[in-house]
Structures are given as C-alpha cells and as structure tokens.
C-alpha atoms as a PDB file:
ATOM      1  CA  MET A   1     110.788-117.873  40.198  1.00  0.00           C
ATOM      2  CA  GLU A   2     112.762-116.783  42.197  1.00  0.00           C
ATOM      3  CA  SER A   3     116.530-117.350  40.649  1.00  0.00           C
ATOM      4  CA  PRO A   4     120.200-117.407  43.262  1.00  0.00           C
ATOM      5  CA  GLN A   5     121.474-114.206  42.983  1.00  0.00           C
ATOM      6  CA  ASP A   6     124.865-116.623  42.136  1.00  0.00           C
ATOM      7  CA  THR A   7     123.350-117.464  38.990  1.00  0.00           C
ATOM      8  CA  ILE A   8     121.983-114.281  38.366  1.00  0.00           C
ATOM      9  CA  ALA A   9     124.831-112.513  38.096  1.00  0.00           C
ATOM     10  CA  ASP A  10     127.040-114.907  36.263  1.00  0.00           C
ATOM     11  CA  LEU A  11     123.978-114.319  33.799  1.00  0.00           C
ATOM     12  CA  GLN A  12     124.587-111.140  32.910  1.00  0.00           C
ATOM     13  CA  LYS A  13     128.830-111.793  33.367  1.00  0.00           C
ATOM     14  CA  ARG A  14     127.615-114.730  30.078  1.00  0.00           C
ATOM     15  CA  LEU A  15     125.703-111.583  28.069  1.00  0.00           C
ATOM     16  CA  ARG A  16     127.513-109.136  28.917  1.00  0.00           C
ATOM     17  CA  ARG A  17     130.954-111.586  27.205  1.00  0.00           C
ATOM     18  CA  ILE A  18     128.230-112.426  23.647  1.00  0.00           C
ATOM     19  CA  GLU A  19     127.791-108.433  23.413  1.00  0.00           C
ATOM     20  CA  GLY A  20     131.008-107.659  23.810  1.00  0.00           C
ATOM     21  CA  GLN A  21     131.514-111.075  20.596  1.00  0.00           C
ATOM     22  CA  VAL A  22     128.468-109.620  18.517  1.00  0.00           C
ATOM     23  CA  ARG A  23     130.113-105.960  18.525  1.00  0.00           C
ATOM     24  CA  GLY A  24     133.482-107.588  17.485  1.00  0.00           C
ATOM     25  CA  ILE A  25     131.292-109.640  14.975  1.00  0.00           C
ATOM     26  CA  GLN A  26     130.132-105.787  13.825  1.00  0.00           C
ATOM     27  CA  GLN A  27     134.455-104.559  13.305  1.00  0.00           C
ATOM     28  CA  MET A  28     134.922-108.041  11.333  1.00  0.00           C
ATOM     29  CA  LEU A  29     132.653-107.114   8.992  1.00  0.00           C
ATOM     30  CA  GLU A  30     133.221-103.442   9.123  1.00  0.00           C
ATOM     31  CA  GLU A  31     137.316-105.056   8.466  1.00  0.00           C
ATOM     32  CA  GLU A  32     135.936-106.941   4.997  1.00  0.00           C
ATOM     33  CA  ARG A  33     137.794-110.298   7.218  1.00  0.00           C
ATOM     34  CA  ASP A  34     136.739-113.354   6.038  1.00  0.00           C
ATOM     35  CA  CYS A  35     133.414-114.340   5.867  1.00  0.00           C
ATOM     36  CA  ARG A  36     134.391-117.674   7.565  1.00  0.00           C
ATOM     37  CA  GLU A  37     136.276-115.876  10.290  1.00  0.00           C
ATOM     38  CA  VAL A  38     132.650-114.422  10.789  1.00  0.00           C
ATOM     39  CA  VAL A  39     130.758-117.390  10.626  1.00  0.00           C
ATOM     40  CA  ASN A  40     133.033-118.894  13.115  1.00  0.00           C
ATOM     41  CA  GLN A  41     132.361-116.340  15.566  1.00  0.00           C
ATOM     42  CA  ILE A  42     129.119-115.386  14.947  1.00  0.00           C
ATOM     43  CA  SER A  43     128.294-119.541  15.562  1.00  0.00           C
ATOM     44  CA  ALA A  44     130.259-118.874  18.790  1.00  0.00           C
ATOM     45  CA  ALA A  45     128.235-115.513  19.267  1.00  0.00           C
ATOM     46  CA  GLY A  46     124.815-117.966  19.292  1.00  0.00           C
ATOM     47  CA  LYS A  47     125.993-121.092  21.563  1.00  0.00           C
ATOM     48  CA  ALA A  48     126.404-118.862  23.480  1.00  0.00           C
ATOM     49  CA  LEU A  49     123.880-117.218  23.733  1.00  0.00           C
ATOM     50  CA  GLU A  50     121.779-120.734  23.836  1.00  0.00           C
ATOM     51  CA  GLN A  51     123.238-122.269  26.955  1.00  0.00           C
ATOM     52  CA  VAL A  52     122.574-118.883  28.859  1.00  0.00           C
ATOM     53  CA  GLY A  53     119.043-119.480  27.558  1.00  0.00           C
ATOM     54  CA  PHE A  54     119.649-123.515  28.713  1.00  0.00           C
ATOM     55  CA  ASN A  55     121.337-121.857  32.412  1.00  0.00           C
ATOM     56  CA  LEU A  56     118.592-120.050  33.296  1.00  0.00           C
ATOM     57  CA  VAL A  57     115.998-123.070  32.436  1.00  0.00           C
ATOM     58  CA  ALA A  58     118.237-125.076  34.029  1.00  0.00           C
ATOM     59  CA  ALA A  59     118.240-122.922  37.562  1.00  0.00           C
ATOM     60  CA  GLY A  60     113.630-122.580  36.885  1.00  0.00           C
ATOM     61  CA  LEU A  61     113.339-126.314  37.282  1.00  0.00           C
ATOM     62  CA  THR A  62     115.537-126.414  40.231  1.00  0.00           C
ATOM     63  CA  TRP A  63     113.441-124.175  41.903  1.00  0.00           C
ATOM     64  CA  CYS A  64     110.434-125.427  40.568  1.00  0.00           C
ATOM     65  CA  VAL A  65     111.277-128.783  41.101  1.00  0.00           C
ATOM     66  CA  GLY A  66     112.431-127.911  45.270  1.00  0.00           C
ATOM     67  CA  ASN A  67     108.479-125.446  45.348  1.00  0.00           C
ATOM     68  CA  PRO A  68     106.639-127.574  43.452  1.00  0.00           C
ATOM     69  CA  GLU A  69     103.453-125.872  45.124  1.00  0.00           C
ATOM     70  CA  ARG A  70     104.774-122.295  45.181  1.00  0.00           C
ATOM     71  CA  SER A  71     106.101-122.250  41.680  1.00  0.00           C
ATOM     72  CA  ARG A  72     102.365-123.628  40.521  1.00  0.00           C
ATOM     73  CA  ARG A  73     100.915-120.945  42.816  1.00  0.00           C
ATOM     74  CA  GLU A  74     103.089-118.762  40.904  1.00  0.00           C
ATOM     75  CA  GLY A  75     102.308-119.867  37.224  1.00  0.00           C
ATOM     76  CA  TYR A  76     105.641-121.847  36.608  1.00  0.00           C
ATOM     77  CA  SER A  77     104.614-125.497  36.979  1.00  0.00           C
ATOM     78  CA  ILE A  78     106.909-127.854  35.440  1.00  0.00           C
ATOM     79  CA  ASP A  79     105.043-128.646  32.049  1.00  0.00           C
ATOM     80  CA  ASP A  80     105.716-124.867  32.015  1.00  0.00           C
ATOM     81  CA  VAL A  81     109.696-124.658  32.297  1.00  0.00           C
ATOM     82  CA  GLN A  82     110.094-127.566  29.826  1.00  0.00           C
ATOM     83  CA  LYS A  83     107.754-125.755  27.779  1.00  0.00           C
ATOM     84  CA  MET A  84     110.922-123.042  27.864  1.00  0.00           C
ATOM     85  CA  PHE A  85     113.497-125.198  27.052  1.00  0.00           C
ATOM     86  CA  LEU A  86     111.553-127.211  24.028  1.00  0.00           C
ATOM     87  CA  LYS A  87     111.945-123.862  22.838  1.00  0.00           C
ATOM     88  CA  LEU A  88     116.102-123.446  22.467  1.00  0.00           C
ATOM     89  CA  ALA A  89     116.280-127.128  21.819  1.00  0.00           C
END
C-alpha cells in the first residue's frame, strides 16, 4: 500500500508531537504533579495516537478504493482495511 508523502510527513509530525507529550508526562510524574493533570495529559496523548491510526487507515482505504486490483494483489482488500479500522475503534 502506498501512502502519499504528505500523509506520511503529517503522521510523522503527529508522532513526534505525541513523543513530546509522553516525555512531558514522564516529567510530570517525576515532579509529582497532581494526578488529574497527569491523567488529562495521558488522555490527550492517547487520543492523538488514535488519530494517527485513523488517518493512516483512511489513507489506506483511499488507496484501496483508488487502486482496487493492485490493493488486492498486495493483500489489502477493503475487508482488511475495515479490520484495521475496527482495531482502532
């Protein structure tokens, strides 16, 4: 499955931001910050990571619909992409 370079760049940018969030959470724990603040940050990082997954699956679905024969040959049927989506849901 091919993903457009702009999609890959966006996903990498999002992942770097999430990586920073996780480092921030680690720092919050070291500083013994209020657990409500920490939980809020954990929740935000988790939702951001889910968005990365959904964007990746959306790009895959777009590719599969646009290239049905090739996607089947490469093992990416619409059913496979739907299963990936459901793993994230």
